[in-house]
Amino acid sequence: MELIIIGIVTAANFLILKIKAEKNRWADLAFDVTVLAILSFLFSGTLGGLTVAMISSFTVSSYLYFYPPNLKKIFTFKNK
């Protein structure tokens, strides 16, 4: 059952990453790939851990797809 879940979630996660690349949302894409890499590294070694990593990465990717971060606002410094 875990193999089916991880397969579906992995495919959905990579489809979201592909859509972001086609829409030139490079900040979201870079953050998603970084989260995916870190989670895969942290939970590597067990099938259950990789399932958790893919589901959490998919959740982050989905959230950032619908609510993209405003990086210009974050990295703009104003001197008062």
N, C-alpha and C. Protein backbone atom coordinates (compact mmCIF):
# COMPACT_ATOMS: atom_id res chain seq x y z
N MET A 1 0.81 -1.19 0.00
CA MET A 1 0.00 0.00 0.00
C MET A 1 0.85 1.25 0.00
N GLU A 2 1.97 1.22 0.76
CA GLU A 2 2.86 2.39 0.80
C GLU A 2 3.45 2.69 -0.56
N LEU A 3 3.73 1.65 -1.33
CA LEU A 3 4.30 1.87 -2.66
C LEU A 3 3.33 2.59 -3.58
N ILE A 4 2.06 2.27 -3.47
CA ILE A 4 1.05 2.96 -4.29
C ILE A 4 0.94 4.42 -3.86
N ILE A 5 0.91 4.66 -2.56
CA ILE A 5 0.81 6.04 -2.06
C ILE A 5 2.02 6.85 -2.48
N ILE A 6 3.21 6.32 -2.30
CA ILE A 6 4.41 7.08 -2.65
C ILE A 6 4.50 7.30 -4.16
N GLY A 7 4.02 6.36 -4.94
CA GLY A 7 4.01 6.54 -6.39
C GLY A 7 3.08 7.65 -6.84
N ILE A 8 1.87 7.67 -6.28
CA ILE A 8 0.89 8.69 -6.65
C ILE A 8 1.35 10.07 -6.18
N VAL A 9 1.83 10.15 -4.94
CA VAL A 9 2.27 11.43 -4.40
C VAL A 9 3.51 11.95 -5.13
N THR A 10 4.43 11.06 -5.47
CA THR A 10 5.62 11.46 -6.21
C THR A 10 5.25 12.01 -7.58
N ALA A 11 4.37 11.33 -8.27
CA ALA A 11 3.93 11.80 -9.59
C ALA A 11 3.24 13.15 -9.48
N ALA A 12 2.36 13.31 -8.51
CA ALA A 12 1.66 14.59 -8.33
C ALA A 12 2.64 15.70 -7.96
N ASN A 13 3.61 15.39 -7.11
CA ASN A 13 4.60 16.38 -6.71
C ASN A 13 5.42 16.85 -7.91
N PHE A 14 5.87 15.92 -8.74
CA PHE A 14 6.66 16.31 -9.91
C PHE A 14 5.82 17.02 -10.96
N LEU A 15 4.53 16.72 -11.04
CA LEU A 15 3.67 17.47 -11.95
C LEU A 15 3.51 18.92 -11.49
N ILE A 16 3.41 19.14 -10.19
CA ILE A 16 3.34 20.50 -9.68
C ILE A 16 4.65 21.24 -9.97
N LEU A 17 5.78 20.57 -9.78
CA LEU A 17 7.07 21.20 -10.09
C LEU A 17 7.18 21.53 -11.56
N LYS A 18 6.68 20.67 -12.43
CA LYS A 18 6.70 20.93 -13.87
C LYS A 18 5.84 22.14 -14.22
N ILE A 19 4.67 22.24 -13.62
CA ILE A 19 3.78 23.37 -13.87
C ILE A 19 4.45 24.68 -13.42
N LYS A 20 5.11 24.65 -12.27
CA LYS A 20 5.79 25.84 -11.78
C LYS A 20 6.93 26.25 -12.71
N ALA A 21 7.65 25.28 -13.25
CA ALA A 21 8.73 25.60 -14.19
C ALA A 21 8.18 26.20 -15.47
N GLU A 22 7.05 25.69 -15.94
CA GLU A 22 6.46 26.24 -17.16
C GLU A 22 5.92 27.65 -16.95
N LYS A 23 5.53 27.99 -15.73
CA LYS A 23 5.01 29.32 -15.43
C LYS A 23 6.10 30.27 -14.94
N ASN A 24 7.36 29.83 -15.02
CA ASN A 24 8.52 30.63 -14.61
C ASN A 24 8.45 31.09 -13.15
N ARG A 25 7.99 30.21 -12.30
CA ARG A 25 7.95 30.49 -10.86
C ARG A 25 9.18 29.85 -10.23
N TRP A 26 10.35 30.42 -10.50
CA TRP A 26 11.61 29.81 -10.13
C TRP A 26 11.86 29.84 -8.64
N ALA A 27 11.38 30.85 -7.94
CA ALA A 27 11.59 30.91 -6.49
C ALA A 27 10.84 29.76 -5.81
N ASP A 28 9.59 29.55 -6.20
CA ASP A 28 8.82 28.44 -5.66
C ASP A 28 9.47 27.10 -6.00
N LEU A 29 9.90 26.99 -7.23
CA LEU A 29 10.51 25.74 -7.69
C LEU A 29 11.79 25.42 -6.91
N ALA A 30 12.63 26.43 -6.72
CA ALA A 30 13.88 26.21 -5.98
C ALA A 30 13.60 25.82 -4.54
N PHE A 31 12.62 26.47 -3.92
CA PHE A 31 12.27 26.15 -2.54
C PHE A 31 11.69 24.74 -2.43
N ASP A 32 10.84 24.38 -3.38
CA ASP A 32 10.24 23.04 -3.36
C ASP A 32 11.29 21.95 -3.53
N VAL A 33 12.21 22.15 -4.45
CA VAL A 33 13.25 21.15 -4.68
C VAL A 33 14.16 21.04 -3.45
N THR A 34 14.44 22.17 -2.81
CA THR A 34 15.26 22.15 -1.60
C THR A 34 14.56 21.40 -0.48
N VAL A 35 13.27 21.68 -0.28
CA VAL A 35 12.50 20.97 0.75
C VAL A 35 12.47 19.48 0.45
N LEU A 36 12.25 19.12 -0.81
CA LEU A 36 12.22 17.71 -1.20
C LEU A 36 13.56 17.03 -0.92
N ALA A 37 14.65 17.70 -1.26
CA ALA A 37 15.97 17.12 -1.04
C ALA A 37 16.27 16.95 0.45
N ILE A 38 15.97 17.97 1.24
CA ILE A 38 16.24 17.89 2.68
C ILE A 38 15.40 16.80 3.33
N LEU A 39 14.11 16.76 3.01
CA LEU A 39 13.24 15.75 3.61
C LEU A 39 13.64 14.34 3.18
N SER A 40 14.01 14.18 1.92
CA SER A 40 14.43 12.86 1.45
C SER A 40 15.70 12.42 2.15
N PHE A 41 16.61 13.37 2.40
CA PHE A 41 17.84 13.03 3.10
C PHE A 41 17.56 12.68 4.57
N LEU A 42 16.71 13.48 5.21
CA LEU A 42 16.43 13.24 6.62
C LEU A 42 15.69 11.93 6.87
N PHE A 43 14.76 11.57 5.97
CA PHE A 43 13.95 10.38 6.18
C PHE A 43 14.41 9.19 5.35
N SER A 44 15.60 9.26 4.78
CA SER A 44 16.06 8.15 3.95
C SER A 44 16.37 6.93 4.82
N GLY A 45 16.29 5.80 4.19
CA GLY A 45 16.62 4.58 4.90
C GLY A 45 15.44 3.67 5.12
N THR A 46 14.26 4.24 5.24
CA THR A 46 13.07 3.41 5.43
C THR A 46 12.00 3.82 4.43
N LEU A 47 11.19 2.89 4.06
CA LEU A 47 10.11 3.17 3.12
C LEU A 47 9.06 4.09 3.75
N GLY A 48 8.78 3.89 5.01
CA GLY A 48 7.84 4.77 5.71
C GLY A 48 8.36 6.19 5.80
N GLY A 49 9.65 6.34 6.03
CA GLY A 49 10.26 7.67 6.08
C GLY A 49 10.19 8.39 4.75
N LEU A 50 10.46 7.66 3.68
CA LEU A 50 10.37 8.28 2.36
C LEU A 50 8.93 8.62 2.00
N THR A 51 7.99 7.82 2.47
CA THR A 51 6.57 8.14 2.24
C THR A 51 6.20 9.43 2.95
N VAL A 52 6.64 9.57 4.19
CA VAL A 52 6.39 10.81 4.93
C VAL A 52 7.05 11.99 4.23
N ALA A 53 8.27 11.83 3.76
CA ALA A 53 8.98 12.92 3.08
C ALA A 53 8.25 13.34 1.81
N MET A 54 7.78 12.40 1.03
CA MET A 54 7.10 12.76 -0.22
C MET A 54 5.75 13.40 0.05
N ILE A 55 5.02 12.91 1.02
CA ILE A 55 3.71 13.51 1.33
C ILE A 55 3.89 14.93 1.88
N SER A 56 4.87 15.13 2.74
CA SER A 56 5.09 16.48 3.27
C SER A 56 5.62 17.41 2.19
N SER A 57 6.46 16.93 1.31
CA SER A 57 6.94 17.76 0.20
C SER A 57 5.79 18.11 -0.74
N PHE A 58 4.90 17.16 -0.98
CA PHE A 58 3.73 17.44 -1.82
C PHE A 58 2.83 18.48 -1.18
N THR A 59 2.68 18.42 0.14
CA THR A 59 1.87 19.39 0.86
C THR A 59 2.47 20.80 0.73
N VAL A 60 3.78 20.91 0.90
CA VAL A 60 4.44 22.21 0.76
C VAL A 60 4.32 22.71 -0.67
N SER A 61 4.52 21.85 -1.66
CA SER A 61 4.40 22.25 -3.06
C SER A 61 3.00 22.73 -3.38
N SER A 62 2.00 22.03 -2.89
CA SER A 62 0.61 22.42 -3.14
C SER A 62 0.30 23.76 -2.50
N TYR A 63 0.74 23.95 -1.27
CA TYR A 63 0.50 25.21 -0.58
C TYR A 63 1.15 26.37 -1.33
N LEU A 64 2.41 26.21 -1.73
CA LEU A 64 3.11 27.28 -2.43
C LEU A 64 2.55 27.52 -3.82
N TYR A 65 1.91 26.51 -4.41
CA TYR A 65 1.29 26.72 -5.71
C TYR A 65 0.10 27.68 -5.59
N PHE A 66 -0.69 27.49 -4.56
CA PHE A 66 -1.87 28.33 -4.39
C PHE A 66 -1.58 29.65 -3.67
N TYR A 67 -0.54 29.69 -2.85
CA TYR A 67 -0.17 30.90 -2.12
C TYR A 67 1.32 31.17 -2.32
N PRO A 68 1.71 31.68 -3.49
CA PRO A 68 3.13 31.91 -3.75
C PRO A 68 3.70 33.00 -2.84
N PRO A 69 4.95 32.82 -2.41
CA PRO A 69 5.56 33.84 -1.55
C PRO A 69 5.90 35.09 -2.36
N ASN A 70 5.84 36.23 -1.71
CA ASN A 70 6.21 37.49 -2.33
C ASN A 70 7.64 37.81 -1.93
N LEU A 71 8.60 37.35 -2.72
CA LEU A 71 10.00 37.48 -2.35
C LEU A 71 10.48 38.92 -2.45
N LYS A 72 9.87 39.73 -3.31
CA LYS A 72 10.27 41.13 -3.39
C LYS A 72 9.98 41.84 -2.08
N LYS A 73 8.87 41.50 -1.47
CA LYS A 73 8.50 42.10 -0.20
C LYS A 73 9.43 41.62 0.91
N ILE A 74 9.84 40.37 0.87
CA ILE A 74 10.69 39.82 1.91
C ILE A 74 12.09 40.41 1.85
N PHE A 75 12.65 40.56 0.63
CA PHE A 75 14.03 40.99 0.48
C PHE A 75 14.18 42.49 0.23
N THR A 76 13.14 43.27 0.39
CA THR A 76 13.23 44.70 0.25
C THR A 76 13.47 45.31 1.64
N PHE A 77 14.59 46.02 1.74
CA PHE A 77 14.95 46.64 2.99
C PHE A 77 14.64 48.13 2.92
N LYS A 78 13.95 48.62 3.90
CA LYS A 78 13.63 50.04 3.96
C LYS A 78 14.31 50.66 5.16
N ASN A 79 15.03 51.71 4.91
CA ASN A 79 15.65 52.45 6.01
C ASN A 79 14.70 53.52 6.49
N LYS A 80 14.44 53.53 7.75
CA LYS A 80 13.52 54.53 8.30
C LYS A 80 14.26 55.57 9.07
